Amino acid sequence: TVGVVTPFGAFNLGRQYTPAFLMIQNQIDPFAGETVAQGRETGMRFGAITKVRVADSIRYDISMSGFNLGASIAESNAVNGGGVPGASDKPFSIAANYAAGPFWVGIGYENPADEDDKVWNIGGRYNFGFMTAALGYGRGTSAAGQEYTGWLLGATVPVGAVDIKAVYATNKGDIVGTTRKIGVGAHYNLSKRTKIYVDFGKVSGDLTAIGAAVDANPSGYDLGVKHTF
């Protein structure tokens, strides 16, 4: 990417995150979409509709007094999942969030590629001191016209240097059925930049929705170290 920061906001060109993903979908999940316990992909995002990054895009961001706004538009081409004459839109995404003390709230919308697909999300967090609670909701429509709804409830409880995290997320499609996921984890902060973690996640629901040909209730766990440079 290449860009410029001005007194009136930042302008960036290239392959980059969509505002709806970076500013909303990734903010509600206590796991920030990481590890097997994450709930973002179940409660806030819907299969092939939502996008993480788009190529050949221009993005604008501005921040002022706790308010953040981002918007991007990209070329309609095969790289971005479009490029079909008369049936593709330029992938568009817009998001805004606001933070004040312990309170955070945000809303986002994206039209990923096709004329009929779209997704919007809304959510918030509140730090009660002993716990940070998060709640998110989303709706989406695929290019084939299938409707999706999802929501996510999460919590982070600090206990000394350990962050206990938990999430419950659900996703319902009017054809594929319902997916549910629970995730729990313990993240021990060795320093401001380094932590060790252990997580567990379990998925249940309709067989077609979770794509589990053998195990209709798959689960997983992980153990790792994360260092932020």
Protein backbone atom coordinates (compact mmCIF):
# COMPACT_ATOMS: atom_id res chain seq x y z
CA THR A 1 0.00 0.00 0.00
CA VAL A 2 0.99 3.62 -0.43
CA GLY A 3 -0.72 6.64 1.05
CA VAL A 4 -0.62 10.09 2.51
CA VAL A 5 -1.82 11.53 5.80
CA THR A 6 -3.29 15.03 5.67
CA PRO A 7 -5.03 17.31 8.21
CA PHE A 8 -8.28 16.16 6.55
CA GLY A 9 -7.68 12.39 6.90
CA ALA A 10 -5.57 9.59 5.47
CA PHE A 11 -5.73 8.29 1.88
CA ASN A 12 -4.30 4.86 0.99
CA LEU A 13 -4.06 2.92 -2.28
CA GLY A 14 -3.44 -0.81 -2.81
CA ARG A 15 -4.42 -4.14 -1.26
CA GLN A 16 -5.78 -3.41 2.21
CA TYR A 17 -8.25 -4.36 4.92
CA THR A 18 -11.88 -3.33 4.49
CA PRO A 19 -13.12 -0.87 7.13
CA ALA A 20 -16.04 -3.17 8.05
CA PHE A 21 -13.61 -5.99 8.88
CA LEU A 22 -10.90 -4.01 10.66
CA MET A 23 -13.06 -1.49 12.50
CA ILE A 24 -16.15 -3.56 13.42
CA GLN A 25 -16.07 -7.33 12.83
CA ASN A 26 -12.61 -7.74 14.33
CA GLN A 27 -13.34 -5.45 17.29
CA ILE A 28 -16.35 -7.24 18.82
CA ASP A 29 -14.76 -10.67 19.26
CA PRO A 30 -12.74 -10.84 22.54
CA PHE A 31 -10.26 -13.10 20.70
CA ALA A 32 -9.98 -10.60 17.79
CA GLY A 33 -10.53 -13.49 15.36
CA GLU A 34 -7.43 -15.35 16.63
CA THR A 35 -7.05 -18.94 17.93
CA VAL A 36 -9.51 -21.82 17.76
CA ALA A 37 -11.75 -20.05 20.30
CA GLN A 38 -12.54 -17.02 18.09
CA GLY A 39 -16.21 -16.22 17.48
CA ARG A 40 -15.83 -13.59 14.76
CA GLU A 41 -16.22 -15.94 11.80
CA THR A 42 -19.46 -17.38 13.22
CA GLY A 43 -21.22 -14.39 14.71
CA MET A 44 -20.03 -11.40 12.65
CA ARG A 45 -19.05 -12.72 9.21
CA PHE A 46 -20.96 -14.84 6.70
CA GLY A 47 -19.08 -17.32 4.55
CA ALA A 48 -17.94 -16.07 1.17
CA ILE A 49 -19.93 -12.82 1.39
CA THR A 50 -17.68 -10.82 3.69
CA LYS A 51 -14.16 -9.82 2.71
CA VAL A 52 -11.00 -9.29 4.74
CA ARG A 53 -8.96 -7.42 2.13
CA VAL A 54 -9.55 -6.01 -1.33
CA ALA A 55 -6.97 -5.29 -4.02
CA ASP A 56 -6.75 -2.25 -6.28
CA SER A 57 -8.57 -0.16 -3.69
CA ILE A 58 -8.61 3.35 -2.34
CA ARG A 59 -9.37 3.88 1.34
CA TYR A 60 -10.06 7.01 3.36
CA ASP A 61 -9.83 7.27 7.17
CA ILE A 62 -10.35 10.12 9.60
CA SER A 63 -10.26 10.28 13.40
CA MET A 64 -11.36 13.07 15.72
CA SER A 65 -12.37 13.23 19.39
CA GLY A 66 -12.88 9.48 19.77
CA PHE A 67 -14.78 9.14 16.48
CA ASN A 68 -13.26 7.07 13.65
CA LEU A 69 -14.58 6.77 10.09
CA GLY A 70 -13.27 4.58 7.28
CA ALA A 71 -14.47 3.98 3.72
CA SER A 72 -13.01 2.04 0.80
CA ILE A 73 -13.89 1.17 -2.78
CA ALA A 74 -12.05 -1.23 -5.08
CA GLU A 75 -11.98 -2.32 -8.69
CA SER A 76 -14.53 -4.88 -9.84
CA ASN A 77 -12.24 -7.65 -11.07
CA ALA A 78 -11.54 -11.35 -10.65
CA VAL A 79 -9.07 -10.71 -7.82
CA ASN A 80 -11.87 -9.17 -5.76
CA GLY A 81 -14.41 -11.84 -6.67
CA GLY A 82 -16.23 -9.82 -9.31
CA GLY A 83 -15.49 -8.84 -12.85
CA VAL A 84 -18.67 -10.25 -14.39
CA PRO A 85 -20.09 -7.59 -16.77
CA GLY A 86 -23.53 -6.44 -15.65
CA ALA A 87 -23.44 -8.56 -12.48
CA SER A 88 -20.66 -7.05 -10.39
CA ASP A 89 -20.33 -3.98 -8.23
CA LYS A 90 -17.14 -2.29 -7.13
CA PRO A 91 -16.50 -3.74 -3.63
CA PHE A 92 -17.46 -1.03 -1.17
CA SER A 93 -17.09 -0.86 2.61
CA ILE A 94 -17.76 1.82 5.21
CA ALA A 95 -17.49 1.74 9.00
CA ALA A 96 -17.55 4.08 11.95
CA ASN A 97 -16.85 3.64 15.64
CA TYR A 98 -16.76 5.82 18.72
CA ALA A 99 -14.92 5.37 22.00
CA ALA A 100 -15.36 7.35 25.22
CA GLY A 101 -13.83 6.05 28.44
CA PRO A 102 -15.05 2.48 29.05
CA PHE A 103 -17.58 2.66 26.19
CA TRP A 104 -17.06 1.64 22.55
CA VAL A 105 -19.67 1.28 19.78
CA GLY A 106 -19.42 0.74 16.04
CA ILE A 107 -21.37 0.04 12.86
CA GLY A 108 -20.24 -1.15 9.43
CA TYR A 109 -21.62 -1.97 5.99
CA GLU A 110 -20.13 -3.64 2.93
CA ASN A 111 -21.20 -4.56 -0.59
CA PRO A 112 -18.48 -7.12 -1.41
CA ALA A 113 -18.71 -7.69 -5.18
CA ASP A 114 -22.06 -8.75 -6.63
CA GLU A 115 -25.11 -6.60 -7.14
CA ASP A 116 -27.22 -8.43 -4.56
CA ASP A 117 -24.77 -9.36 -1.78
CA LYS A 118 -24.38 -7.13 1.25
CA VAL A 119 -23.53 -7.31 4.95
CA TRP A 120 -23.92 -4.95 7.87
CA ASN A 121 -22.75 -5.24 11.48
CA ILE A 122 -23.33 -3.35 14.70
CA GLY A 123 -21.81 -3.90 18.10
CA GLY A 124 -20.34 -2.48 21.25
CA ARG A 125 -18.09 -3.06 24.26
CA TYR A 126 -18.18 -1.79 27.82
CA ASN A 127 -15.42 -2.05 30.42
CA PHE A 128 -16.99 -2.52 33.85
CA GLY A 129 -13.57 -2.69 35.48
CA PHE A 130 -13.82 -6.29 36.60
CA MET A 131 -14.94 -7.37 33.09
CA THR A 132 -15.21 -6.10 29.54
CA ALA A 133 -18.43 -7.28 27.86
CA ALA A 134 -19.03 -7.26 24.09
CA LEU A 135 -22.17 -7.72 22.01
CA GLY A 136 -22.45 -7.79 18.22
CA TYR A 137 -25.15 -8.42 15.62
CA GLY A 138 -25.02 -8.84 11.85
CA ARG A 139 -27.19 -9.49 8.79
CA GLY A 140 -26.11 -10.54 5.34
CA THR A 141 -27.47 -11.49 1.93
CA SER A 142 -25.53 -13.66 -0.52
CA ALA A 143 -25.43 -13.14 -4.29
CA ALA A 144 -27.84 -16.09 -4.56
CA GLY A 145 -30.30 -14.33 -2.27
CA GLN A 146 -29.76 -16.40 0.89
CA GLU A 147 -30.31 -14.47 4.10
CA TYR A 148 -27.98 -14.76 7.11
CA THR A 149 -28.24 -13.43 10.64
CA GLY A 150 -25.67 -13.72 13.40
CA TRP A 151 -24.81 -12.43 16.82
CA LEU A 152 -21.95 -12.67 19.28
CA LEU A 153 -21.68 -12.30 23.05
CA GLY A 154 -18.21 -12.10 24.59
CA ALA A 155 -16.39 -11.28 27.81
CA THR A 156 -12.84 -10.65 29.00
CA VAL A 157 -12.14 -10.93 32.73
CA PRO A 158 -8.67 -9.84 33.96
CA VAL A 159 -7.34 -11.82 36.91
CA GLY A 160 -3.94 -10.42 37.72
CA ALA A 161 -1.76 -10.97 34.66
CA VAL A 162 -4.24 -13.47 33.18
CA ASP A 163 -7.09 -12.54 30.83
CA ILE A 164 -9.93 -15.08 30.96
CA LYS A 165 -11.87 -14.88 27.70
CA ALA A 166 -15.17 -16.40 26.60
CA VAL A 167 -17.43 -16.08 23.57
CA TYR A 168 -20.71 -17.48 22.32
CA ALA A 169 -21.66 -16.90 18.68
CA THR A 170 -24.42 -18.10 16.40
CA ASN A 171 -25.10 -17.85 12.68
CA LYS A 172 -28.33 -18.76 10.89
CA GLY A 173 -28.81 -19.13 7.14
CA ASP A 174 -32.28 -19.63 5.72
CA ILE A 175 -31.06 -22.64 3.65
CA VAL A 176 -27.94 -24.05 5.36
CA GLY A 177 -29.33 -23.84 8.89
CA THR A 178 -27.82 -22.75 12.19
CA THR A 179 -24.23 -22.83 13.45
CA ARG A 180 -23.33 -22.26 17.11
CA LYS A 181 -19.88 -21.86 18.66
CA ILE A 182 -18.49 -21.49 22.15
CA GLY A 183 -14.91 -20.49 22.89
CA VAL A 184 -12.96 -20.08 26.14
CA GLY A 185 -9.34 -19.22 26.81
CA ALA A 186 -6.74 -18.08 29.31
CA HIS A 187 -4.07 -15.61 28.13
CA TYR A 188 -1.17 -14.94 30.52
CA ASN A 189 0.60 -11.63 29.86
CA LEU A 190 4.33 -12.01 30.44
CA SER A 191 4.81 -8.38 29.40
CA LYS A 192 3.05 -5.70 27.36
CA ARG A 193 4.16 -7.43 24.14
CA THR A 194 4.41 -11.13 25.01
CA LYS A 195 1.84 -13.62 26.24
CA ILE A 196 1.20 -17.35 26.41
CA TYR A 197 -2.28 -18.71 25.84
CA VAL A 198 -4.45 -21.81 25.85
CA ASP A 199 -7.88 -21.93 24.20
CA PHE A 200 -10.75 -24.30 23.49
CA GLY A 201 -13.51 -24.00 20.90
CA LYS A 202 -16.52 -26.16 20.02
CA VAL A 203 -18.93 -25.88 17.09
CA SER A 204 -22.42 -27.39 16.90
CA GLY A 205 -25.49 -27.01 14.73
CA ASP A 206 -26.85 -28.20 11.41
CA LEU A 207 -24.54 -30.50 9.48
CA THR A 208 -24.72 -28.54 6.22
CA ALA A 209 -23.99 -25.29 8.00
CA ILE A 210 -20.73 -26.37 9.62
CA GLY A 211 -19.56 -28.58 6.76
CA ALA A 212 -18.65 -31.47 9.06
CA ALA A 213 -18.97 -34.68 7.07
CA VAL A 214 -17.92 -36.95 9.96
CA ASP A 215 -18.11 -35.10 13.27
CA ALA A 216 -21.24 -32.95 13.60
CA ASN A 217 -19.85 -31.30 16.76
CA PRO A 218 -16.15 -30.60 16.09
CA SER A 219 -13.92 -29.10 18.77
CA GLY A 220 -10.34 -27.94 19.01
CA TYR A 221 -7.74 -26.55 21.38
CA ASP A 222 -4.46 -24.67 21.10
CA LEU A 223 -1.45 -23.64 23.17
CA GLY A 224 0.88 -20.90 22.01
CA VAL A 225 3.09 -17.89 22.54
CA LYS A 226 2.49 -14.50 20.95
CA HIS A 227 5.05 -11.69 20.73
CA THR A 228 4.21 -8.35 19.16
CA PHE A 229 7.24 -6.68 17.59
